[in-house]
């Protein structure tokens, strides 16, 4: 197996150094295409607790950043509809299980087990442990939001054909904000952002709503779906039945107003009838 990619395991998955190097090279190529950065000439210092093994989270984050830059350079890099569809699916795939992330420390697999051919690395762990990387989770959330609104801006017609995937990813990201500083989540021992962390994430999410408004001629007929999802969760009908905290709502409001502005009078009347 050349690429040695593993997902879905309790330790967060694995990637080989080949995969990490390939993504890094692609990142440099795209940077060169931009033509205005000397960063490729600098030595990158990498510190990793697991010797010679790339951090899967960092590789995933880099992949999303590369996808975002490719999406934003539509004149240089052609994206087919299925490329756009996969890009729109990424945030939902990454964050749909975040409510199950425990805040207790997780075991770290031993280096010798990471790429072993004769034993299941999922069952082998060292005595070391790691806690949830809160800053990384915020960075990943922000990167996913940037990916979505960049794809929306530069690939309008393809995105409209995949509107259900976009709606699902935005819904999953919004669900993450429902868990912010929620007592029930904390009591159960699951991960939850603090209020100020949630506000940061909300500011990134609202940019998607604002981009939908900017592209009203294409996405106007779909805006009520995103507004409906927001009202549903805000009203306490989301997975946790807890609604959205006031601070989060304040951060989202400019985006919500943008959605309202993008909706037709008939769509707003329909939502008024549904939600009362």
C-alpha atoms as a PDB file:
ATOM      1  CA  UNK A   1       0.000   0.000   0.000  1.00  0.00           C
ATOM      2  CA  UNK A   2       1.703   3.188  -1.197  1.00  0.00           C
ATOM      3  CA  UNK A   3      -0.171   5.975   0.568  1.00  0.00           C
ATOM      4  CA  UNK A   4      -0.927   4.335   3.927  1.00  0.00           C
ATOM      5  CA  UNK A   5      -4.003   6.379   4.799  1.00  0.00           C
ATOM      6  CA  UNK A   6      -6.237   5.154   7.608  1.00  0.00           C
ATOM      7  CA  UNK A   7      -9.379   6.864   8.920  1.00  0.00           C
ATOM      8  CA  UNK A   8     -12.102   6.157  11.433  1.00  0.00           C
ATOM      9  CA  UNK A   9      -9.899   4.735  14.177  1.00  0.00           C
ATOM     10  CA  UNK A  10      -9.958   5.861  17.781  1.00  0.00           C
ATOM     11  CA  UNK A  11      -6.585   7.601  17.526  1.00  0.00           C
ATOM     12  CA  UNK A  12      -7.746   9.955  14.774  1.00  0.00           C
ATOM     13  CA  UNK A  13      -6.329   8.042  11.829  1.00  0.00           C
ATOM     14  CA  UNK A  14      -2.891   7.903  10.240  1.00  0.00           C
ATOM     15  CA  UNK A  15      -1.089   9.217   7.205  1.00  0.00           C
ATOM     16  CA  UNK A  16       2.316   8.252   5.917  1.00  0.00           C
ATOM     17  CA  UNK A  17       5.187  10.653   5.348  1.00  0.00           C
ATOM     18  CA  UNK A  18       4.604  10.171   1.599  1.00  0.00           C
ATOM     19  CA  UNK A  19       1.130  11.690   1.860  1.00  0.00           C
ATOM     20  CA  UNK A  20       2.313  14.576   4.020  1.00  0.00           C
ATOM     21  CA  UNK A  21       5.184  15.331   1.644  1.00  0.00           C
ATOM     22  CA  UNK A  22       2.863  15.219  -1.365  1.00  0.00           C
ATOM     23  CA  UNK A  23       0.468  17.724   0.193  1.00  0.00           C
ATOM     24  CA  UNK A  24       3.383  19.961   1.161  1.00  0.00           C
ATOM     25  CA  UNK A  25       4.707  19.879  -2.400  1.00  0.00           C
ATOM     26  CA  UNK A  26       1.280  20.723  -3.810  1.00  0.00           C
ATOM     27  CA  UNK A  27       1.075  23.621  -1.375  1.00  0.00           C
ATOM     28  CA  UNK A  28       4.407  24.951  -2.647  1.00  0.00           C
ATOM     29  CA  UNK A  29       3.345  24.589  -6.277  1.00  0.00           C
ATOM     30  CA  UNK A  30       0.201  26.619  -5.659  1.00  0.00           C
ATOM     31  CA  UNK A  31       2.219  29.216  -3.770  1.00  0.00           C
ATOM     32  CA  UNK A  32       4.552  29.478  -6.767  1.00  0.00           C
ATOM     33  CA  UNK A  33       1.563  29.962  -9.069  1.00  0.00           C
ATOM     34  CA  UNK A  34       0.637  33.012  -7.014  1.00  0.00           C
ATOM     35  CA  UNK A  35       4.111  34.332  -7.740  1.00  0.00           C
ATOM     36  CA  UNK A  36       4.608  36.722  -4.822  1.00  0.00           C
ATOM     37  CA  UNK A  37       5.901  34.803  -1.827  1.00  0.00           C
ATOM     38  CA  UNK A  38       9.496  33.931  -0.868  1.00  0.00           C
ATOM     39  CA  UNK A  39       8.345  31.405   1.688  1.00  0.00           C
ATOM     40  CA  UNK A  40       9.430  28.454  -0.462  1.00  0.00           C
ATOM     41  CA  UNK A  41      13.037  29.395   0.186  1.00  0.00           C
ATOM     42  CA  UNK A  42      12.804  29.150   3.935  1.00  0.00           C
ATOM     43  CA  UNK A  43      13.416  26.002   5.933  1.00  0.00           C
ATOM     44  CA  UNK A  44      10.337  24.828   7.735  1.00  0.00           C
ATOM     45  CA  UNK A  45      10.943  23.642  11.281  1.00  0.00           C
ATOM     46  CA  UNK A  46       8.586  20.812  12.224  1.00  0.00           C
ATOM     47  CA  UNK A  47       8.283  19.529  15.757  1.00  0.00           C
ATOM     48  CA  UNK A  48       6.220  16.413  16.320  1.00  0.00           C
ATOM     49  CA  UNK A  49       5.828  14.297  19.429  1.00  0.00           C
ATOM     50  CA  UNK A  50       5.707  11.146  17.325  1.00  0.00           C
ATOM     51  CA  UNK A  51       9.067  10.844  15.653  1.00  0.00           C
ATOM     52  CA  UNK A  52       9.022  10.758  11.831  1.00  0.00           C
ATOM     53  CA  UNK A  53       5.226  10.425  11.749  1.00  0.00           C
ATOM     54  CA  UNK A  54       3.183  13.344  10.356  1.00  0.00           C
ATOM     55  CA  UNK A  55       0.322  14.665  12.437  1.00  0.00           C
ATOM     56  CA  UNK A  56      -2.919  13.631  10.649  1.00  0.00           C
ATOM     57  CA  UNK A  57      -4.762  16.740  11.845  1.00  0.00           C
ATOM     58  CA  UNK A  58      -2.140  19.057  10.397  1.00  0.00           C
ATOM     59  CA  UNK A  59      -2.225  17.197   7.085  1.00  0.00           C
ATOM     60  CA  UNK A  60      -6.026  17.447   6.942  1.00  0.00           C
ATOM     61  CA  UNK A  61      -5.876  21.172   7.710  1.00  0.00           C
ATOM     62  CA  UNK A  62      -3.276  21.670   4.993  1.00  0.00           C
ATOM     63  CA  UNK A  63      -5.441  19.727   2.532  1.00  0.00           C
ATOM     64  CA  UNK A  64      -8.375  22.047   3.216  1.00  0.00           C
ATOM     65  CA  UNK A  65      -6.195  25.125   2.829  1.00  0.00           C
ATOM     66  CA  UNK A  66      -4.843  23.802  -0.469  1.00  0.00           C
ATOM     67  CA  UNK A  67      -8.372  23.052  -1.697  1.00  0.00           C
ATOM     68  CA  UNK A  68      -9.394  26.588  -0.775  1.00  0.00           C
ATOM     69  CA  UNK A  69      -6.527  28.107  -2.722  1.00  0.00           C
ATOM     70  CA  UNK A  70      -7.227  25.903  -5.728  1.00  0.00           C
ATOM     71  CA  UNK A  71     -10.898  26.922  -5.586  1.00  0.00           C
ATOM     72  CA  UNK A  72      -9.950  30.586  -5.471  1.00  0.00           C
ATOM     73  CA  UNK A  73      -7.710  30.338  -8.549  1.00  0.00           C
ATOM     74  CA  UNK A  74     -10.411  29.260 -10.983  1.00  0.00           C
ATOM     75  CA  UNK A  75      -8.572  30.844 -13.909  1.00  0.00           C
ATOM     76  CA  UNK A  76      -5.561  28.588 -13.284  1.00  0.00           C
ATOM     77  CA  UNK A  77      -7.135  25.420 -11.901  1.00  0.00           C
ATOM     78  CA  UNK A  78     -10.238  23.940 -13.506  1.00  0.00           C
ATOM     79  CA  UNK A  79     -12.623  22.216 -11.081  1.00  0.00           C
ATOM     80  CA  UNK A  80     -15.245  19.801 -12.372  1.00  0.00           C
ATOM     81  CA  UNK A  81     -18.630  19.449 -10.698  1.00  0.00           C
ATOM     82  CA  UNK A  82     -17.541  16.374  -8.771  1.00  0.00           C
ATOM     83  CA  UNK A  83     -14.505  18.272  -7.423  1.00  0.00           C
ATOM     84  CA  UNK A  84     -16.838  20.989  -6.171  1.00  0.00           C
ATOM     85  CA  UNK A  85     -19.184  18.397  -4.679  1.00  0.00           C
ATOM     86  CA  UNK A  86     -16.360  16.761  -2.743  1.00  0.00           C
ATOM     87  CA  UNK A  87     -15.147  20.135  -1.475  1.00  0.00           C
ATOM     88  CA  UNK A  88     -18.630  21.035  -0.233  1.00  0.00           C
ATOM     89  CA  UNK A  89     -18.875  17.690   1.556  1.00  0.00           C
ATOM     90  CA  UNK A  90     -15.627  18.073   3.531  1.00  0.00           C
ATOM     91  CA  UNK A  91     -16.892  20.175   6.507  1.00  0.00           C
ATOM     92  CA  UNK A  92     -19.816  17.850   7.226  1.00  0.00           C
ATOM     93  CA  UNK A  93     -17.541  14.815   7.039  1.00  0.00           C
ATOM     94  CA  UNK A  94     -15.071  16.337   9.505  1.00  0.00           C
ATOM     95  CA  UNK A  95     -17.432  17.851  12.072  1.00  0.00           C
ATOM     96  CA  UNK A  96     -20.448  15.558  12.113  1.00  0.00           C
ATOM     97  CA  UNK A  97     -19.020  13.541  15.021  1.00  0.00           C
ATOM     98  CA  UNK A  98     -17.523  16.386  17.054  1.00  0.00           C
ATOM     99  CA  UNK A  99     -20.242  16.055  19.684  1.00  0.00           C
ATOM    100  CA  UNK A 100     -18.788  12.635  20.491  1.00  0.00           C
ATOM    101  CA  UNK A 101     -15.282  13.956  21.159  1.00  0.00           C
ATOM    102  CA  UNK A 102     -14.454  13.390  24.810  1.00  0.00           C
ATOM    103  CA  UNK A 103     -12.690  16.096  26.796  1.00  0.00           C
ATOM    104  CA  UNK A 104     -10.878  13.409  28.754  1.00  0.00           C
ATOM    105  CA  UNK A 105      -7.384  12.600  27.620  1.00  0.00           C
ATOM    106  CA  UNK A 106      -7.085  10.123  24.759  1.00  0.00           C
ATOM    107  CA  UNK A 107      -4.399   7.428  24.346  1.00  0.00           C
ATOM    108  CA  UNK A 108      -1.614   7.996  21.862  1.00  0.00           C
ATOM    109  CA  UNK A 109      -0.627   5.006  19.707  1.00  0.00           C
ATOM    110  CA  UNK A 110       2.997   3.986  19.968  1.00  0.00           C
ATOM    111  CA  UNK A 111       5.312   4.814  17.081  1.00  0.00           C
ATOM    112  CA  UNK A 112       6.094   1.177  16.396  1.00  0.00           C
ATOM    113  CA  UNK A 113       2.422   0.409  15.902  1.00  0.00           C
ATOM    114  CA  UNK A 114       1.600   3.204  13.495  1.00  0.00           C
ATOM    115  CA  UNK A 115       2.545   1.359  10.322  1.00  0.00           C
ATOM    116  CA  UNK A 116       2.975  -2.186  11.567  1.00  0.00           C
ATOM    117  CA  UNK A 117       2.052  -4.969   9.148  1.00  0.00           C
ATOM    118  CA  UNK A 118       1.698  -7.715  11.735  1.00  0.00           C
ATOM    119  CA  UNK A 119      -0.534  -6.174  14.377  1.00  0.00           C
ATOM    120  CA  UNK A 120      -3.570  -3.938  14.606  1.00  0.00           C
ATOM    121  CA  UNK A 121      -2.323  -0.486  15.522  1.00  0.00           C
ATOM    122  CA  UNK A 122      -5.788   0.546  16.743  1.00  0.00           C
ATOM    123  CA  UNK A 123      -5.388  -1.723  19.762  1.00  0.00           C
ATOM    124  CA  UNK A 124      -1.872  -0.664  20.670  1.00  0.00           C
ATOM    125  CA  UNK A 125      -1.333   2.530  22.627  1.00  0.00           C
ATOM    126  CA  UNK A 126       1.418   4.016  24.671  1.00  0.00           C
ATOM    127  CA  UNK A 127       1.009   5.241  28.212  1.00  0.00           C
ATOM    128  CA  UNK A 128       1.174   8.836  26.982  1.00  0.00           C
ATOM    129  CA  UNK A 129      -2.035  10.799  26.475  1.00  0.00           C
ATOM    130  CA  UNK A 130      -3.231  13.935  24.742  1.00  0.00           C
ATOM    131  CA  UNK A 131      -6.021  16.402  25.399  1.00  0.00           C
ATOM    132  CA  UNK A 132      -8.333  17.995  22.844  1.00  0.00           C
ATOM    133  CA  UNK A 133      -6.499  20.663  20.884  1.00  0.00           C
ATOM    134  CA  UNK A 134      -8.990  23.495  21.175  1.00  0.00           C
ATOM    135  CA  UNK A 135      -7.078  25.909  18.968  1.00  0.00           C
ATOM    136  CA  UNK A 136      -6.741  23.308  16.236  1.00  0.00           C
ATOM    137  CA  UNK A 137     -10.486  22.668  16.303  1.00  0.00           C
ATOM    138  CA  UNK A 138     -11.112  26.403  15.828  1.00  0.00           C
ATOM    139  CA  UNK A 139      -8.554  26.579  13.020  1.00  0.00           C
ATOM    140  CA  UNK A 140     -10.161  23.592  11.310  1.00  0.00           C
ATOM    141  CA  UNK A 141     -13.642  25.106  11.656  1.00  0.00           C
ATOM    142  CA  UNK A 142     -12.404  28.404  10.209  1.00  0.00           C
ATOM    143  CA  UNK A 143     -10.658  26.614   7.336  1.00  0.00           C
ATOM    144  CA  UNK A 144     -13.846  24.708   6.499  1.00  0.00           C
ATOM    145  CA  UNK A 145     -15.851  27.936   6.429  1.00  0.00           C
ATOM    146  CA  UNK A 146     -13.267  29.580   4.173  1.00  0.00           C
ATOM    147  CA  UNK A 147     -13.411  26.589   1.845  1.00  0.00           C
ATOM    148  CA  UNK A 148     -17.191  26.805   1.556  1.00  0.00           C
ATOM    149  CA  UNK A 149     -17.487  30.514   0.874  1.00  0.00           C
ATOM    150  CA  UNK A 150     -14.539  30.431  -1.527  1.00  0.00           C
ATOM    151  CA  UNK A 151     -16.147  27.636  -3.535  1.00  0.00           C
ATOM    152  CA  UNK A 152     -19.449  29.548  -3.494  1.00  0.00           C
ATOM    153  CA  UNK A 153     -17.781  32.690  -4.785  1.00  0.00           C
ATOM    154  CA  UNK A 154     -15.761  31.153  -7.597  1.00  0.00           C
ATOM    155  CA  UNK A 155     -17.860  28.137  -8.629  1.00  0.00           C
ATOM    156  CA  UNK A 156     -21.441  29.355  -8.494  1.00  0.00           C
ATOM    157  CA  UNK A 157     -23.194  27.117 -10.999  1.00  0.00           C
ATOM    158  CA  UNK A 158     -21.425  23.947  -9.822  1.00  0.00           C
ATOM    159  CA  UNK A 159     -22.224  24.801  -6.191  1.00  0.00           C
ATOM    160  CA  UNK A 160     -25.873  25.359  -6.992  1.00  0.00           C
ATOM    161  CA  UNK A 161     -26.079  21.899  -8.522  1.00  0.00           C
ATOM    162  CA  UNK A 162     -24.698  20.540  -5.229  1.00  0.00           C
ATOM    163  CA  UNK A 163     -26.777  22.778  -2.964  1.00  0.00           C
ATOM    164  CA  UNK A 164     -27.863  19.855  -0.765  1.00  0.00           C
ATOM    165  CA  UNK A 165     -24.222  19.116   0.127  1.00  0.00           C
ATOM    166  CA  UNK A 166     -23.623  22.766   0.968  1.00  0.00           C
ATOM    167  CA  UNK A 167     -26.744  22.896   3.109  1.00  0.00           C
ATOM    168  CA  UNK A 168     -25.689  19.769   4.999  1.00  0.00           C
ATOM    169  CA  UNK A 169     -22.189  21.078   5.723  1.00  0.00           C
ATOM    170  CA  UNK A 170     -23.500  24.435   6.944  1.00  0.00           C
ATOM    171  CA  UNK A 171     -26.071  22.653   9.109  1.00  0.00           C
ATOM    172  CA  UNK A 172     -23.376  20.483  10.713  1.00  0.00           C
ATOM    173  CA  UNK A 173     -21.177  23.523  11.382  1.00  0.00           C
ATOM    174  CA  UNK A 174     -24.142  25.330  12.930  1.00  0.00           C
ATOM    175  CA  UNK A 175     -24.806  22.321  15.162  1.00  0.00           C
ATOM    176  CA  UNK A 176     -21.267  22.738  16.499  1.00  0.00           C
ATOM    177  CA  UNK A 177     -22.226  26.208  17.731  1.00  0.00           C
ATOM    178  CA  UNK A 178     -25.253  24.784  19.527  1.00  0.00           C
ATOM    179  CA  UNK A 179     -22.886  22.886  21.842  1.00  0.00           C
ATOM    180  CA  UNK A 180     -20.936  25.998  22.911  1.00  0.00           C
ATOM    181  CA  UNK A 181     -20.560  26.115  26.706  1.00  0.00           C
ATOM    182  CA  UNK A 182     -23.572  23.831  27.129  1.00  0.00           C
ATOM    183  CA  UNK A 183     -23.910  22.385  30.644  1.00  0.00           C
ATOM    184  CA  UNK A 184     -25.347  19.079  29.437  1.00  0.00           C
ATOM    185  CA  UNK A 185     -22.410  18.523  27.069  1.00  0.00           C
ATOM    186  CA  UNK A 186     -19.858  19.344  29.768  1.00  0.00           C
ATOM    187  CA  UNK A 187     -21.550  17.091  32.331  1.00  0.00           C
ATOM    188  CA  UNK A 188     -21.444  14.214  29.873  1.00  0.00           C
ATOM    189  CA  UNK A 189     -17.712  14.771  29.450  1.00  0.00           C
ATOM    190  CA  UNK A 190     -17.841  15.798  25.796  1.00  0.00           C
ATOM    191  CA  UNK A 191     -15.969  18.585  24.081  1.00  0.00           C
ATOM    192  CA  UNK A 192     -17.511  22.053  23.981  1.00  0.00           C
ATOM    193  CA  UNK A 193     -16.067  25.394  22.971  1.00  0.00           C
ATOM    194  CA  UNK A 194     -16.084  28.254  25.445  1.00  0.00           C
ATOM    195  CA  UNK A 195     -18.279  31.217  24.551  1.00  0.00           C
ATOM    196  CA  UNK A 196     -15.494  33.373  23.121  1.00  0.00           C
ATOM    197  CA  UNK A 197     -14.199  30.442  21.091  1.00  0.00           C
ATOM    198  CA  UNK A 198     -17.702  29.917  19.762  1.00  0.00           C
ATOM    199  CA  UNK A 199     -17.983  33.599  18.848  1.00  0.00           C
ATOM    200  CA  UNK A 200     -14.823  33.312  16.743  1.00  0.00           C
ATOM    201  CA  UNK A 201     -16.270  30.324  14.915  1.00  0.00           C
ATOM    202  CA  UNK A 202     -19.619  32.064  14.424  1.00  0.00           C
ATOM    203  CA  UNK A 203     -17.871  34.983  12.725  1.00  0.00           C
ATOM    204  CA  UNK A 204     -16.396  32.578  10.185  1.00  0.00           C
ATOM    205  CA  UNK A 205     -19.703  30.780   9.644  1.00  0.00           C
ATOM    206  CA  UNK A 206     -21.626  33.976   8.973  1.00  0.00           C
ATOM    207  CA  UNK A 207     -19.326  34.670   6.008  1.00  0.00           C
ATOM    208  CA  UNK A 208     -21.001  31.751   4.241  1.00  0.00           C
ATOM    209  CA  UNK A 209     -24.405  33.362   4.771  1.00  0.00           C
ATOM    210  CA  UNK A 210     -23.050  36.682   3.542  1.00  0.00           C
ATOM    211  CA  UNK A 211     -21.591  35.061   0.434  1.00  0.00           C
ATOM    212  CA  UNK A 212     -24.968  33.498  -0.337  1.00  0.00           C
ATOM    213  CA  UNK A 213     -26.386  37.024  -0.249  1.00  0.00           C
ATOM    214  CA  UNK A 214     -23.605  38.307  -2.510  1.00  0.00           C
ATOM    215  CA  UNK A 215     -24.524  35.618  -5.035  1.00  0.00           C
ATOM    216  CA  UNK A 216     -28.264  36.224  -4.641  1.00  0.00           C
ATOM    217  CA  UNK A 217     -28.919  35.834  -8.350  1.00  0.00           C
ATOM    218  CA  UNK A 218     -27.779  32.207  -8.130  1.00  0.00           C
ATOM    219  CA  UNK A 219     -28.546  31.173  -4.548  1.00  0.00           C
ATOM    220  CA  UNK A 220     -31.468  33.435  -3.672  1.00  0.00           C
ATOM    221  CA  UNK A 221     -34.023  30.688  -4.243  1.00  0.00           C
ATOM    222  CA  UNK A 222     -32.159  28.449  -1.768  1.00  0.00           C
ATOM    223  CA  UNK A 223     -31.512  31.018   0.967  1.00  0.00           C
ATOM    224  CA  UNK A 224     -34.701  30.180   2.873  1.00  0.00           C
ATOM    225  CA  UNK A 225     -33.365  26.648   3.474  1.00  0.00           C
ATOM    226  CA  UNK A 226     -30.316  27.989   5.309  1.00  0.00           C
ATOM    227  CA  UNK A 227     -32.455  30.491   7.204  1.00  0.00           C
ATOM    228  CA  UNK A 228     -34.855  27.710   8.153  1.00  0.00           C
ATOM    229  CA  UNK A 229     -32.020  25.605   9.584  1.00  0.00           C
ATOM    230  CA  UNK A 230     -30.835  28.574  11.625  1.00  0.00           C
ATOM    231  CA  UNK A 231     -34.314  29.311  13.017  1.00  0.00           C
ATOM    232  CA  UNK A 232     -34.814  25.626  13.816  1.00  0.00           C
ATOM    233  CA  UNK A 233     -31.639  25.407  15.900  1.00  0.00           C
ATOM    234  CA  UNK A 234     -32.019  28.891  17.425  1.00  0.00           C
ATOM    235  CA  UNK A 235     -35.520  27.940  18.586  1.00  0.00           C
ATOM    236  CA  UNK A 236     -34.210  24.960  20.543  1.00  0.00           C
ATOM    237  CA  UNK A 237     -35.177  22.264  18.054  1.00  0.00           C
ATOM    238  CA  UNK A 238     -31.618  21.180  17.229  1.00  0.00           C
ATOM    239  CA  UNK A 239     -29.981  17.924  18.360  1.00  0.00           C
ATOM    240  CA  UNK A 240     -29.345  19.245  21.889  1.00  0.00           C
ATOM    241  CA  UNK A 241     -32.637  21.175  22.184  1.00  0.00           C
ATOM    242  CA  UNK A 242     -30.638  23.972  23.819  1.00  0.00           C
ATOM    243  CA  UNK A 243     -30.791  26.754  21.247  1.00  0.00           C
ATOM    244  CA  UNK A 244     -27.923  29.145  20.564  1.00  0.00           C
ATOM    245  CA  UNK A 245     -26.357  31.363  23.194  1.00  0.00           C
ATOM    246  CA  UNK A 246     -26.911  35.106  22.940  1.00  0.00           C
ATOM    247  CA  UNK A 247     -23.248  35.872  22.212  1.00  0.00           C
ATOM    248  CA  UNK A 248     -23.191  33.360  19.368  1.00  0.00           C
ATOM    249  CA  UNK A 249     -26.426  34.743  17.967  1.00  0.00           C
ATOM    250  CA  UNK A 250     -25.019  38.284  18.031  1.00  0.00           C
ATOM    251  CA  UNK A 251     -21.979  37.143  16.052  1.00  0.00           C
ATOM    252  CA  UNK A 252     -24.182  35.362  13.505  1.00  0.00           C
ATOM    253  CA  UNK A 253     -26.728  38.175  13.095  1.00  0.00           C
ATOM    254  CA  UNK A 254     -25.069  39.999  10.163  1.00  0.00           C
ATOM    255  CA  UNK A 255     -25.124  36.733   8.248  1.00  0.00           C
ATOM    256  CA  UNK A 256     -28.703  35.977   9.263  1.00  0.00           C
ATOM    257  CA  UNK A 257     -29.811  39.425   8.085  1.00  0.00           C
ATOM    258  CA  UNK A 258     -28.008  38.751   4.809  1.00  0.00           C
ATOM    259  CA  UNK A 259     -30.014  35.535   4.403  1.00  0.00           C
ATOM    260  CA  UNK A 260     -33.255  37.382   5.109  1.00  0.00           C
ATOM    261  CA  UNK A 261     -32.344  39.937   2.465  1.00  0.00           C
ATOM    262  CA  UNK A 262     -31.649  37.156  -0.036  1.00  0.00           C
ATOM    263  CA  UNK A 263     -35.038  35.492   0.509  1.00  0.00           C
ATOM    264  CA  UNK A 264     -38.058  36.358  -1.588  1.00  0.00           C
ATOM    265  CA  UNK A 265     -41.249  37.675   0.012  1.00  0.00           C
ATOM    266  CA  UNK A 266     -42.942  34.340  -0.658  1.00  0.00           C
ATOM    267  CA  UNK A 267     -40.114  32.442   1.044  1.00  0.00           C
ATOM    268  CA  UNK A 268     -40.294  34.676   4.112  1.00  0.00           C
ATOM    269  CA  UNK A 269     -44.059  34.232   4.271  1.00  0.00           C
ATOM    270  CA  UNK A 270     -43.586  30.478   4.069  1.00  0.00           C
ATOM    271  CA  UNK A 271     -41.108  30.520   6.975  1.00  0.00           C
ATOM    272  CA  UNK A 272     -43.464  32.711   8.984  1.00  0.00           C
ATOM    273  CA  UNK A 273     -46.236  30.178   8.410  1.00  0.00           C
ATOM    274  CA  UNK A 274     -44.034  27.246   9.416  1.00  0.00           C
ATOM    275  CA  UNK A 275     -42.452  28.754  12.523  1.00  0.00           C
ATOM    276  CA  UNK A 276     -45.269  31.094  13.517  1.00  0.00           C
END
